[in-house]
C-alpha atoms as a PDB file:
ATOM      1  CA  MET A   1       0.079  -0.146   0.053  1.00  0.00           C
ATOM      2  CA  THR A   2       1.294   3.318  -0.648  1.00  0.00           C
ATOM      3  CA  GLN A   3       2.146   5.784   1.884  1.00  0.00           C
ATOM      4  CA  THR A   4       1.502   9.425   1.443  1.00  0.00           C
ATOM      5  CA  ILE A   5       4.347  12.078   2.532  1.00  0.00           C
ATOM      6  CA  LEU A   6       2.592  15.863   2.232  1.00  0.00           C
ATOM      7  CA  ILE A   7       4.952  18.901   2.665  1.00  0.00           C
ATOM      8  CA  LEU A   8       2.884  21.340   4.396  1.00  0.00           C
ATOM      9  CA  ASP A   9       4.858  24.537   2.922  1.00  0.00           C
ATOM     10  CA  ALA A  10       3.474  25.645  -0.674  1.00  0.00           C
ATOM     11  CA  ILE A  11       6.245  24.572  -2.727  1.00  0.00           C
ATOM     12  CA  SER A  12       6.713  24.328  -6.350  1.00  0.00           C
ATOM     13  CA  GLU A  13       6.411  21.612  -8.650  1.00  0.00           C
ATOM     14  CA  VAL A  14      10.030  21.520  -9.998  1.00  0.00           C
ATOM     15  CA  VAL A  15      10.924  21.427  -6.063  1.00  0.00           C
ATOM     16  CA  ALA A  16       8.338  18.651  -5.413  1.00  0.00           C
ATOM     17  CA  GLN A  17       9.470  16.730  -7.972  1.00  0.00           C
ATOM     18  CA  LYS A  18      13.007  16.936  -7.341  1.00  0.00           C
ATOM     19  CA  MET A  19      12.387  15.311  -3.729  1.00  0.00           C
ATOM     20  CA  ARG A  20      10.159  12.562  -5.816  1.00  0.00           C
ATOM     21  CA  ASP A  21      13.535  11.510  -7.261  1.00  0.00           C
ATOM     22  CA  HIS A  22      14.576  10.487  -3.827  1.00  0.00           C
ATOM     23  CA  LEU A  23      11.300   8.688  -2.479  1.00  0.00           C
ATOM     24  CA  GLN A  24      11.468   4.950  -1.138  1.00  0.00           C
ATOM     25  CA  PRO A  25       9.448   2.829  -2.633  1.00  0.00           C
ATOM     26  CA  GLY A  26       5.938   2.606  -1.403  1.00  0.00           C
ATOM     27  CA  PHE A  27       5.540   6.749  -0.794  1.00  0.00           C
ATOM     28  CA  GLU A  28       4.319   9.300  -2.717  1.00  0.00           C
ATOM     29  CA  LEU A  29       4.660  12.897  -2.330  1.00  0.00           C
ATOM     30  CA  ASP A  30       2.277  15.609  -2.191  1.00  0.00           C
ATOM     31  CA  TYR A  31       2.086  19.145  -1.171  1.00  0.00           C
ATOM     32  CA  ALA A  32       0.563  22.657  -0.363  1.00  0.00           C
ATOM     33  CA  THR A  33      -0.788  24.945  -2.948  1.00  0.00           C
ATOM     34  CA  GLU A  34      -1.818  27.792  -1.027  1.00  0.00           C
ATOM     35  CA  LEU A  35      -0.597  29.280   2.707  1.00  0.00           C
ATOM     36  CA  GLY A  36      -2.972  28.880   5.873  1.00  0.00           C
ATOM     37  CA  ASP A  37      -4.832  26.717   8.051  1.00  0.00           C
ATOM     38  CA  ASP A  38      -7.824  26.083   6.274  1.00  0.00           C
ATOM     39  CA  HIS A  39      -5.687  25.148   2.929  1.00  0.00           C
ATOM     40  CA  LEU A  40      -3.652  22.376   5.082  1.00  0.00           C
ATOM     41  CA  VAL A  41      -6.561  21.348   7.414  1.00  0.00           C
ATOM     42  CA  GLU A  42      -8.651  20.526   3.752  1.00  0.00           C
ATOM     43  CA  ILE A  43      -5.444  18.532   2.853  1.00  0.00           C
ATOM     44  CA  ILE A  44      -3.722  16.875   5.369  1.00  0.00           C
ATOM     45  CA  ASP A  45      -6.777  14.602   6.117  1.00  0.00           C
ATOM     46  CA  GLN A  46      -5.431  11.287   4.248  1.00  0.00           C
ATOM     47  CA  ALA A  47      -1.441  12.192   4.650  1.00  0.00           C
ATOM     48  CA  ASP A  48       0.147   9.292   6.773  1.00  0.00           C
ATOM     49  CA  TYR A  49       3.327  11.562   7.223  1.00  0.00           C
ATOM     50  CA  ALA A  50       3.958  15.232   6.619  1.00  0.00           C
ATOM     51  CA  ILE A  51       7.022  17.840   6.043  1.00  0.00           C
ATOM     52  CA  SER A  52       6.913  21.548   7.442  1.00  0.00           C
ATOM     53  CA  GLY A  53       9.950  24.018   6.969  1.00  0.00           C
ATOM     54  CA  GLN A  54       8.980  27.587   7.755  1.00  0.00           C
ATOM     55  CA  VAL A  55       5.245  27.086   7.472  1.00  0.00           C
ATOM     56  CA  PRO A  56       3.313  27.093  11.222  1.00  0.00           C
ATOM     57  CA  VAL A  57       1.750  24.040  11.943  1.00  0.00           C
ATOM     58  CA  SER A  58      -1.199  24.599  14.546  1.00  0.00           C
ATOM     59  CA  GLY A  59      -2.997  22.168  16.983  1.00  0.00           C
ATOM     60  CA  ARG A  60      -6.256  22.416  14.354  1.00  0.00           C
ATOM     61  CA  VAL A  61      -4.242  21.290  11.604  1.00  0.00           C
ATOM     62  CA  LEU A  62      -2.922  18.580  13.552  1.00  0.00           C
ATOM     63  CA  ARG A  63      -5.663  17.387  14.967  1.00  0.00           C
ATOM     64  CA  ALA A  64      -7.173  17.321  11.261  1.00  0.00           C
ATOM     65  CA  ALA A  65      -4.529  14.428  10.120  1.00  0.00           C
ATOM     66  CA  LYS A  66      -6.687  11.510  10.606  1.00  0.00           C
ATOM     67  CA  ARG A  67      -3.418   9.655   9.743  1.00  0.00           C
ATOM     68  CA  LEU A  68      -0.631  11.522  10.515  1.00  0.00           C
ATOM     69  CA  LYS A  69       1.909   9.651  12.133  1.00  0.00           C
ATOM     70  CA  LEU A  70       4.995  11.194  12.131  1.00  0.00           C
ATOM     71  CA  LEU A  71       5.677  15.281  11.266  1.00  0.00           C
ATOM     72  CA  HIS A  72       9.112  15.717  10.267  1.00  0.00           C
ATOM     73  CA  LYS A  73      10.837  18.956  10.550  1.00  0.00           C
ATOM     74  CA  TRP A  74      12.697  20.716   7.322  1.00  0.00           C
ATOM     75  CA  GLY A  75      15.294  21.893   9.924  1.00  0.00           C
ATOM     76  CA  VAL A  76      15.736  22.272  13.680  1.00  0.00           C
ATOM     77  CA  GLY A  77      13.776  24.480  14.914  1.00  0.00           C
ATOM     78  CA  VAL A  78      10.108  23.401  16.390  1.00  0.00           C
ATOM     79  CA  ASP A  79       8.976  26.521  18.398  1.00  0.00           C
ATOM     80  CA  ASN A  80       5.967  27.104  15.553  1.00  0.00           C
ATOM     81  CA  ILE A  81       4.609  23.584  15.725  1.00  0.00           C
ATOM     82  CA  ASP A  82       1.917  22.716  18.356  1.00  0.00           C
ATOM     83  CA  LEU A  83       3.936  20.129  20.122  1.00  0.00           C
ATOM     84  CA  GLU A  84       1.065  19.692  22.527  1.00  0.00           C
ATOM     85  CA  ALA A  85      -1.116  18.964  19.913  1.00  0.00           C
ATOM     86  CA  ALA A  86       1.270  16.534  18.377  1.00  0.00           C
ATOM     87  CA  ARG A  87       1.864  14.532  21.493  1.00  0.00           C
ATOM     88  CA  GLU A  88      -2.586  14.695  22.179  1.00  0.00           C
ATOM     89  CA  CYS A  89      -2.538  13.503  18.745  1.00  0.00           C
ATOM     90  CA  GLY A  90      -0.381  10.331  19.102  1.00  0.00           C
ATOM     91  CA  ILE A  91       1.836  12.371  16.221  1.00  0.00           C
ATOM     92  CA  LYS A  92       5.457  11.643  16.632  1.00  0.00           C
ATOM     93  CA  VAL A  93       7.840  14.616  15.623  1.00  0.00           C
ATOM     94  CA  ALA A  94      11.438  14.784  14.415  1.00  0.00           C
ATOM     95  CA  ARG A  95      13.972  17.627  12.777  1.00  0.00           C
ATOM     96  CA  THR A  96      17.142  17.515  11.036  1.00  0.00           C
ATOM     97  CA  THR A  97      19.503  18.099  13.557  1.00  0.00           C
ATOM     98  CA  GLY A  98      22.568  20.279  12.422  1.00  0.00           C
ATOM     99  CA  SER A  99      21.873  19.496   8.717  1.00  0.00           C
ATOM    100  CA  ASN A 100      21.704  23.219   8.008  1.00  0.00           C
ATOM    101  CA  ALA A 101      24.571  24.446  10.284  1.00  0.00           C
ATOM    102  CA  LEU A 102      27.293  25.189   8.034  1.00  0.00           C
ATOM    103  CA  ALA A 103      24.342  27.098   5.365  1.00  0.00           C
ATOM    104  CA  VAL A 104      23.566  28.946   8.373  1.00  0.00           C
ATOM    105  CA  ALA A 105      26.834  29.967   9.190  1.00  0.00           C
ATOM    106  CA  GLU A 106      27.874  30.543   5.925  1.00  0.00           C
ATOM    107  CA  PHE A 107      25.293  33.280   5.438  1.00  0.00           C
ATOM    108  CA  THR A 108      25.839  34.538   9.014  1.00  0.00           C
ATOM    109  CA  LEU A 109      29.027  35.670   7.498  1.00  0.00           C
ATOM    110  CA  GLY A 110      28.035  36.894   4.795  1.00  0.00           C
ATOM    111  CA  LEU A 111      25.118  39.155   6.683  1.00  0.00           C
ATOM    112  CA  ILE A 112      28.125  40.106   9.019  1.00  0.00           C
ATOM    113  CA  ILE A 113      30.340  41.466   6.372  1.00  0.00           C
ATOM    114  CA  CYS A 114      27.425  43.384   4.406  1.00  0.00           C
ATOM    115  CA  THR A 115      26.241  45.234   7.287  1.00  0.00           C
ATOM    116  CA  LEU A 116      29.571  45.969   9.056  1.00  0.00           C
ATOM    117  CA  ARG A 117      30.575  47.329   5.074  1.00  0.00           C
ATOM    118  CA  HIS A 118      27.040  48.709   4.466  1.00  0.00           C
ATOM    119  CA  ILE A 119      27.526  46.653   0.723  1.00  0.00           C
ATOM    120  CA  PRO A 120      23.086  46.230   0.730  1.00  0.00           C
ATOM    121  CA  HIS A 121      23.346  50.500   0.514  1.00  0.00           C
ATOM    122  CA  GLY A 122      25.537  50.540  -1.981  1.00  0.00           C
ATOM    123  CA  HIS A 123      24.049  48.460  -4.185  1.00  0.00           C
ATOM    124  CA  PHE A 124      20.408  49.467  -3.613  1.00  0.00           C
ATOM    125  CA  GLY A 125      21.792  53.339  -4.725  1.00  0.00           C
ATOM    126  CA  LEU A 126      23.631  51.694  -7.737  1.00  0.00           C
ATOM    127  CA  GLN A 127      20.527  50.151  -8.967  1.00  0.00           C
ATOM    128  CA  HIS A 128      18.215  54.084  -8.523  1.00  0.00           C
ATOM    129  CA  GLY A 129      21.558  55.971 -10.266  1.00  0.00           C
ATOM    130  CA  ARG A 130      23.270  57.098  -6.765  1.00  0.00           C
ATOM    131  CA  TRP A 131      26.796  56.638  -5.907  1.00  0.00           C
ATOM    132  CA  GLN A 132      26.622  56.157  -2.942  1.00  0.00           C
ATOM    133  CA  ASN A 133      30.069  55.242  -1.407  1.00  0.00           C
ATOM    134  CA  TRP A 134      29.242  56.983   2.304  1.00  0.00           C
ATOM    135  CA  ARG A 135      26.437  57.153   4.187  1.00  0.00           C
ATOM    136  CA  GLY A 136      27.579  58.929   6.946  1.00  0.00           C
ATOM    137  CA  SER A 137      28.044  55.930   9.469  1.00  0.00           C
ATOM    138  CA  THR A 138      31.071  54.526   9.342  1.00  0.00           C
ATOM    139  CA  PRO A 139      32.347  51.176   7.712  1.00  0.00           C
ATOM    140  CA  PHE A 140      34.621  48.585   9.526  1.00  0.00           C
ATOM    141  CA  LEU A 141      36.150  45.741   9.373  1.00  0.00           C
ATOM    142  CA  LEU A 142      35.647  42.229  11.003  1.00  0.00           C
ATOM    143  CA  SER A 143      39.239  41.192  11.466  1.00  0.00           C
ATOM    144  CA  GLY A 144      40.042  41.332  15.035  1.00  0.00           C
ATOM    145  CA  LYS A 145      36.827  42.271  16.006  1.00  0.00           C
ATOM    146  CA  THR A 146      35.009  40.897  19.087  1.00  0.00           C
ATOM    147  CA  VAL A 147      32.002  38.305  18.087  1.00  0.00           C
ATOM    148  CA  GLY A 148      29.652  37.487  20.765  1.00  0.00           C
ATOM    149  CA  LEU A 149      27.273  34.175  19.741  1.00  0.00           C
ATOM    150  CA  VAL A 150      24.495  33.788  22.148  1.00  0.00           C
ATOM    151  CA  GLY A 151      23.844  30.440  21.658  1.00  0.00           C
ATOM    152  CA  PHE A 152      26.240  27.657  20.874  1.00  0.00           C
ATOM    153  CA  GLY A 153      24.596  24.665  19.036  1.00  0.00           C
ATOM    154  CA  ALA A 154      25.630  23.160  15.857  1.00  0.00           C
ATOM    155  CA  ILE A 155      25.242  26.525  14.315  1.00  0.00           C
ATOM    156  CA  GLY A 156      27.096  28.426  16.664  1.00  0.00           C
ATOM    157  CA  LYS A 157      29.928  26.064  16.361  1.00  0.00           C
ATOM    158  CA  ALA A 158      30.043  26.271  12.471  1.00  0.00           C
ATOM    159  CA  VAL A 159      29.605  30.336  12.775  1.00  0.00           C
ATOM    160  CA  ALA A 160      32.608  29.998  15.499  1.00  0.00           C
ATOM    161  CA  GLY A 161      34.520  27.804  12.983  1.00  0.00           C
ATOM    162  CA  VAL A 162      33.987  30.088   9.873  1.00  0.00           C
ATOM    163  CA  LEU A 163      35.404  33.240  11.918  1.00  0.00           C
ATOM    164  CA  ALA A 164      38.662  31.565  12.759  1.00  0.00           C
ATOM    165  CA  GLY A 165      40.103  33.017   9.773  1.00  0.00           C
ATOM    166  CA  PHE A 166      39.477  36.631  10.852  1.00  0.00           C
ATOM    167  CA  ASP A 167      41.671  36.491  13.932  1.00  0.00           C
ATOM    168  CA  CYS A 168      38.374  37.301  15.791  1.00  0.00           C
ATOM    169  CA  ASP A 169      37.839  37.046  19.835  1.00  0.00           C
ATOM    170  CA  THR A 170      34.853  35.232  19.612  1.00  0.00           C
ATOM    171  CA  CYS A 171      33.164  34.722  22.684  1.00  0.00           C
ATOM    172  CA  TYR A 172      29.741  32.478  24.008  1.00  0.00           C
ATOM    173  CA  TYR A 173      26.964  32.420  25.929  1.00  0.00           C
ATOM    174  CA  LYS A 174      24.729  29.887  26.941  1.00  0.00           C
ATOM    175  CA  PRO A 175      22.706  28.391  29.630  1.00  0.00           C
ATOM    176  CA  ASN A 176      24.959  25.470  30.574  1.00  0.00           C
ATOM    177  CA  ARG A 177      28.835  26.051  29.853  1.00  0.00           C
ATOM    178  CA  LEU A 178      30.824  24.152  28.091  1.00  0.00           C
ATOM    179  CA  ASP A 179      33.990  22.096  29.220  1.00  0.00           C
ATOM    180  CA  PRO A 180      37.221  23.880  28.682  1.00  0.00           C
ATOM    181  CA  GLY A 181      38.275  21.544  26.129  1.00  0.00           C
ATOM    182  CA  GLU A 182      35.780  21.977  24.222  1.00  0.00           C
ATOM    183  CA  GLU A 183      35.822  25.803  24.695  1.00  0.00           C
ATOM    184  CA  ASP A 184      39.673  25.481  23.234  1.00  0.00           C
ATOM    185  CA  GLN A 185      38.296  22.949  20.440  1.00  0.00           C
ATOM    186  CA  HIS A 186      36.447  26.104  19.259  1.00  0.00           C
ATOM    187  CA  GLY A 187      38.484  28.852  19.534  1.00  0.00           C
ATOM    188  CA  VAL A 188      36.265  30.589  22.061  1.00  0.00           C
ATOM    189  CA  ARG A 189      35.550  31.576  25.642  1.00  0.00           C
ATOM    190  CA  TYR A 190      32.597  31.959  27.558  1.00  0.00           C
ATOM    191  CA  LEU A 191      31.152  35.145  28.886  1.00  0.00           C
ATOM    192  CA  PRO A 192      28.037  35.868  31.072  1.00  0.00           C
ATOM    193  CA  LEU A 193      25.084  37.050  28.532  1.00  0.00           C
ATOM    194  CA  ALA A 194      25.099  40.944  29.910  1.00  0.00           C
ATOM    195  CA  GLU A 195      29.107  41.016  29.874  1.00  0.00           C
ATOM    196  CA  LEU A 196      29.029  39.339  26.081  1.00  0.00           C
ATOM    197  CA  LEU A 197      26.316  42.326  25.135  1.00  0.00           C
ATOM    198  CA  ALA A 198      28.453  45.065  26.125  1.00  0.00           C
ATOM    199  CA  VAL A 199      31.716  44.175  25.077  1.00  0.00           C
ATOM    200  CA  ALA A 200      31.261  42.656  21.613  1.00  0.00           C
ATOM    201  CA  ASP A 201      31.371  44.587  18.024  1.00  0.00           C
ATOM    202  CA  VAL A 202      29.214  41.877  16.723  1.00  0.00           C
ATOM    203  CA  ILE A 203      26.470  39.435  18.525  1.00  0.00           C
ATOM    204  CA  SER A 204      25.196  37.006  16.508  1.00  0.00           C
ATOM    205  CA  LEU A 205      22.054  34.989  17.704  1.00  0.00           C
ATOM    206  CA  HIS A 206      21.751  31.435  17.334  1.00  0.00           C
ATOM    207  CA  CYS A 207      19.389  30.083  20.353  1.00  0.00           C
ATOM    208  CA  PRO A 208      16.244  28.431  19.653  1.00  0.00           C
ATOM    209  CA  LEU A 209      12.987  30.722  20.687  1.00  0.00           C
ATOM    210  CA  SER A 210      12.002  29.942  24.309  1.00  0.00           C
ATOM    211  CA  PRO A 211       9.838  31.522  26.934  1.00  0.00           C
ATOM    212  CA  ASN A 212      13.703  32.198  28.146  1.00  0.00           C
ATOM    213  CA  THR A 213      14.698  33.654  25.092  1.00  0.00           C
ATOM    214  CA  ASN A 214      11.378  35.344  23.881  1.00  0.00           C
ATOM    215  CA  GLY A 215      11.917  39.062  23.662  1.00  0.00           C
ATOM    216  CA  LEU A 216      15.632  38.869  25.300  1.00  0.00           C
ATOM    217  CA  ILE A 217      17.128  41.293  22.948  1.00  0.00           C
ATOM    218  CA  ASP A 218      15.022  44.341  24.018  1.00  0.00           C
ATOM    219  CA  ARG A 219      15.212  48.304  24.638  1.00  0.00           C
ATOM    220  CA  ALA A 220      17.530  47.607  27.612  1.00  0.00           C
ATOM    221  CA  ALA A 221      19.569  44.885  26.032  1.00  0.00           C
ATOM    222  CA  LEU A 222      20.304  47.145  22.844  1.00  0.00           C
ATOM    223  CA  SER A 223      21.288  49.758  25.056  1.00  0.00           C
ATOM    224  CA  SER A 224      24.101  47.874  26.850  1.00  0.00           C
ATOM    225  CA  MET A 225      25.862  47.079  23.361  1.00  0.00           C
ATOM    226  CA  LYS A 226      28.200  49.661  22.103  1.00  0.00           C
ATOM    227  CA  ASN A 227      26.779  52.433  19.871  1.00  0.00           C
ATOM    228  CA  THR A 228      29.742  50.350  17.502  1.00  0.00           C
ATOM    229  CA  ALA A 229      28.112  47.217  17.932  1.00  0.00           C
ATOM    230  CA  THR A 230      26.745  45.752  14.816  1.00  0.00           C
ATOM    231  CA  LEU A 231      23.767  43.004  15.519  1.00  0.00           C
ATOM    232  CA  ILE A 232      22.320  40.099  13.527  1.00  0.00           C
ATOM    233  CA  ASN A 233      19.814  37.488  13.734  1.00  0.00           C
ATOM    234  CA  VAL A 234      19.890  34.118  12.024  1.00  0.00           C
ATOM    235  CA  ALA A 235      18.003  32.880  15.034  1.00  0.00           C
ATOM    236  CA  ARG A 236      14.175  33.440  15.299  1.00  0.00           C
ATOM    237  CA  GLY A 237      11.808  36.639  15.561  1.00  0.00           C
ATOM    238  CA  GLY A 238      10.775  36.447  18.820  1.00  0.00           C
ATOM    239  CA  VAL A 239      14.164  36.993  19.990  1.00  0.00           C
ATOM    240  CA  VAL A 240      14.684  40.079  18.999  1.00  0.00           C
ATOM    241  CA  VAL A 241      11.817  43.292  19.948  1.00  0.00           C
ATOM    242  CA  GLU A 242      11.046  44.589  16.506  1.00  0.00           C
ATOM    243  CA  GLN A 243       9.998  48.025  17.635  1.00  0.00           C
ATOM    244  CA  ASP A 244      12.816  48.073  20.387  1.00  0.00           C
ATOM    245  CA  LEU A 245      15.467  47.792  17.470  1.00  0.00           C
ATOM    246  CA  ILE A 246      14.114  50.336  15.397  1.00  0.00           C
ATOM    247  CA  TRP A 247      14.284  52.429  17.749  1.00  0.00           C
ATOM    248  CA  ALA A 248      17.984  51.793  18.543  1.00  0.00           C
ATOM    249  CA  LEU A 249      19.020  52.140  14.752  1.00  0.00           C
ATOM    250  CA  GLU A 250      17.162  55.495  14.345  1.00  0.00           C
ATOM    251  CA  ASN A 251      18.761  56.619  17.651  1.00  0.00           C
ATOM    252  CA  ASP A 252      22.218  55.627  17.055  1.00  0.00           C
ATOM    253  CA  VAL A 253      22.216  53.256  19.749  1.00  0.00           C
ATOM    254  CA  ILE A 254      23.908  50.923  17.811  1.00  0.00           C
ATOM    255  CA  HIS A 255      25.875  50.796  14.551  1.00  0.00           C
ATOM    256  CA  SER A 256      23.636  48.389  12.191  1.00  0.00           C
ATOM    257  CA  ALA A 257      21.857  45.131  12.080  1.00  0.00           C
ATOM    258  CA  ALA A 258      20.635  42.139   9.832  1.00  0.00           C
ATOM    259  CA  ILE A 259      17.770  40.460  10.330  1.00  0.00           C
ATOM    260  CA  ASP A 260      16.673  37.299   8.705  1.00  0.00           C
ATOM    261  CA  VAL A 261      13.926  36.335  10.724  1.00  0.00           C
ATOM    262  CA  TYR A 262      10.835  37.555  12.164  1.00  0.00           C
ATOM    263  CA  GLU A 263       8.003  38.082  14.538  1.00  0.00           C
ATOM    264  CA  ILE A 264       5.435  37.414  11.675  1.00  0.00           C
ATOM    265  CA  GLU A 265       6.635  35.346   8.512  1.00  0.00           C
ATOM    266  CA  PRO A 266       6.557  36.382   5.634  1.00  0.00           C
ATOM    267  CA  LEU A 267       7.113  40.102   6.644  1.00  0.00           C
ATOM    268  CA  PRO A 268       3.627  41.933   5.964  1.00  0.00           C
ATOM    269  CA  ALA A 269       3.651  44.566   3.240  1.00  0.00           C
ATOM    270  CA  GLY A 270       4.732  47.476   4.823  1.00  0.00           C
ATOM    271  CA  SER A 271       6.372  46.575   7.826  1.00  0.00           C
ATOM    272  CA  PRO A 272       7.633  49.430  10.175  1.00  0.00           C
ATOM    273  CA  LEU A 273      11.276  47.667   9.639  1.00  0.00           C
ATOM    274  CA  ILE A 274      10.982  48.605   5.775  1.00  0.00           C
ATOM    275  CA  ASN A 275      13.654  51.101   5.142  1.00  0.00           C
ATOM    276  CA  VAL A 276      14.933  51.687   8.569  1.00  0.00           C
ATOM    277  CA  LYS A 277      18.178  53.149   8.283  1.00  0.00           C
ATOM    278  CA  ASN A 278      21.558  50.409   8.696  1.00  0.00           C
ATOM    279  CA  LEU A 279      19.258  47.510   8.697  1.00  0.00           C
ATOM    280  CA  THR A 280      19.227  44.880   6.287  1.00  0.00           C
ATOM    281  CA  LEU A 281      16.636  42.752   5.750  1.00  0.00           C
ATOM    282  CA  THR A 282      16.182  38.918   4.388  1.00  0.00           C
ATOM    283  CA  PRO A 283      13.357  36.452   3.779  1.00  0.00           C
ATOM    284  CA  HIS A 284      14.665  33.504   5.976  1.00  0.00           C
ATOM    285  CA  LEU A 285      17.020  32.358   3.851  1.00  0.00           C
ATOM    286  CA  GLY A 286      19.807  31.606   6.053  1.00  0.00           C
ATOM    287  CA  ALA A 287      19.482  27.721   5.537  1.00  0.00           C
ATOM    288  CA  MET A 288      18.469  27.371   2.580  1.00  0.00           C
ATOM    289  CA  ALA A 289      21.671  26.089  -0.062  1.00  0.00           C
ATOM    290  CA  SER A 290      21.273  23.741  -2.804  1.00  0.00           C
ATOM    291  CA  ASP A 291      24.703  21.651  -1.404  1.00  0.00           C
ATOM    292  CA  THR A 292      22.193  20.438   1.460  1.00  0.00           C
ATOM    293  CA  PHE A 293      19.237  19.129  -0.836  1.00  0.00           C
ATOM    294  CA  VAL A 294      19.414  15.875  -1.209  1.00  0.00           C
ATOM    295  CA  PRO A 295      21.051  15.213   2.074  1.00  0.00           C
ATOM    296  CA  THR A 296      18.453  16.590   3.580  1.00  0.00           C
ATOM    297  CA  VAL A 297      15.415  15.256   1.690  1.00  0.00           C
ATOM    298  CA  GLU A 298      17.166  11.782   2.665  1.00  0.00           C
ATOM    299  CA  ARG A 299      17.439  11.861   6.042  1.00  0.00           C
ATOM    300  CA  MET A 300      13.685  13.085   6.425  1.00  0.00           C
ATOM    301  CA  PHE A 301      12.410  10.023   4.081  1.00  0.00           C
ATOM    302  CA  ALA A 302      14.676   7.684   5.895  1.00  0.00           C
ATOM    303  CA  ASN A 303      13.384   8.576   9.098  1.00  0.00           C
ATOM    304  CA  ILE A 304       9.821   8.450   7.860  1.00  0.00           C
ATOM    305  CA  ALA A 305      10.712   4.859   6.112  1.00  0.00           C
ATOM    306  CA  SER A 306      11.730   3.851  10.152  1.00  0.00           C
ATOM    307  CA  VAL A 307       9.071   4.972  10.999  1.00  0.00           C
ATOM    308  CA  SER A 308       6.893   3.019   8.594  1.00  0.00           C
ATOM    309  CA  ARG A 309       8.473  -0.105   9.555  1.00  0.00           C
ATOM    310  CA  GLY A 310       7.688   0.519  12.916  1.00  0.00           C
ATOM    311  CA  GLU A 311      11.079   1.647  14.090  1.00  0.00           C
ATOM    312  CA  SER A 312      12.405   4.721  16.000  1.00  0.00           C
ATOM    313  CA  VAL A 313      13.424   8.067  14.447  1.00  0.00           C
ATOM    314  CA  PRO A 314      17.123   8.524  15.522  1.00  0.00           C
ATOM    315  CA  GLU A 315      18.020  10.057  19.144  1.00  0.00           C
ATOM    316  CA  LEU A 316      19.673  12.932  17.194  1.00  0.00           C
ATOM    317  CA  ASP A 317      16.526  13.885  15.316  1.00  0.00           C
ATOM    318  CA  SER A 318      13.575  12.550  17.323  1.00  0.00           C
ATOM    319  CA  VAL A 319      11.494  15.398  19.165  1.00  0.00           C
ATOM    320  CA  LEU A 320       8.304  13.435  20.700  1.00  0.00           C
END
């Protein structure tokens, strides 16, 4: 009997076909064509397995799934999945731990350099017929700077690795400090969060969204940073209070920022974040790299096949 894997994100037929090329025997693949719970409730009814990327998965959607055995996150963060509803419905949840670490790390490096050197502003100016090689805000080198990483899981460690060639003083904060040997291995030193925010030239966020990190970077945190500091958020939108970030940039409290994730996604048209000075915006691109597509798809399909055989998802990827 053929089992159905449903992609909950509204992907294209081209992407769907690329995924089908890696399906194991006995499975077929379908996908959403619209955004919103109403559509997902309508199509998830007969799905045996589901995969979600950036789309939120509500309790309403999960309760409409009559046959769903496993919901697989395409990525790591499960803050946009109603885990309590999944538990209530007996639906397993899995993710691809570490699969996007290098992609996000390289993207983070790109945002840091673009932001420190005002590259997007120069590009935008030329597109609109303006030769803008100075914008009244000092550009900085990355080399030799103090970089503070808030969160130090697989992505944070990968960021430390790509920074190694820039002779940075790389610091990190996480609730549970690493042992000294692991700190030496990654070339980092631990700082309490308040101290990290106060001394870092670049603060890059790589922590999950949780009750403890929701609104972590607020007006008080921003005010504690150097006025030459740059903030990078490739974690989750809720970690930064967006109105407070706008205030900090408009009032020169910090030098600049770049964000790839938002409190509401997709970013609404007319968002007050658009056209804020010294702010670079990207549409949740951090994990997207063609190089990781096939390994990640095959890993998700392998986990799904394991569940179909009555086996467990590997502990590394299991959430519920």
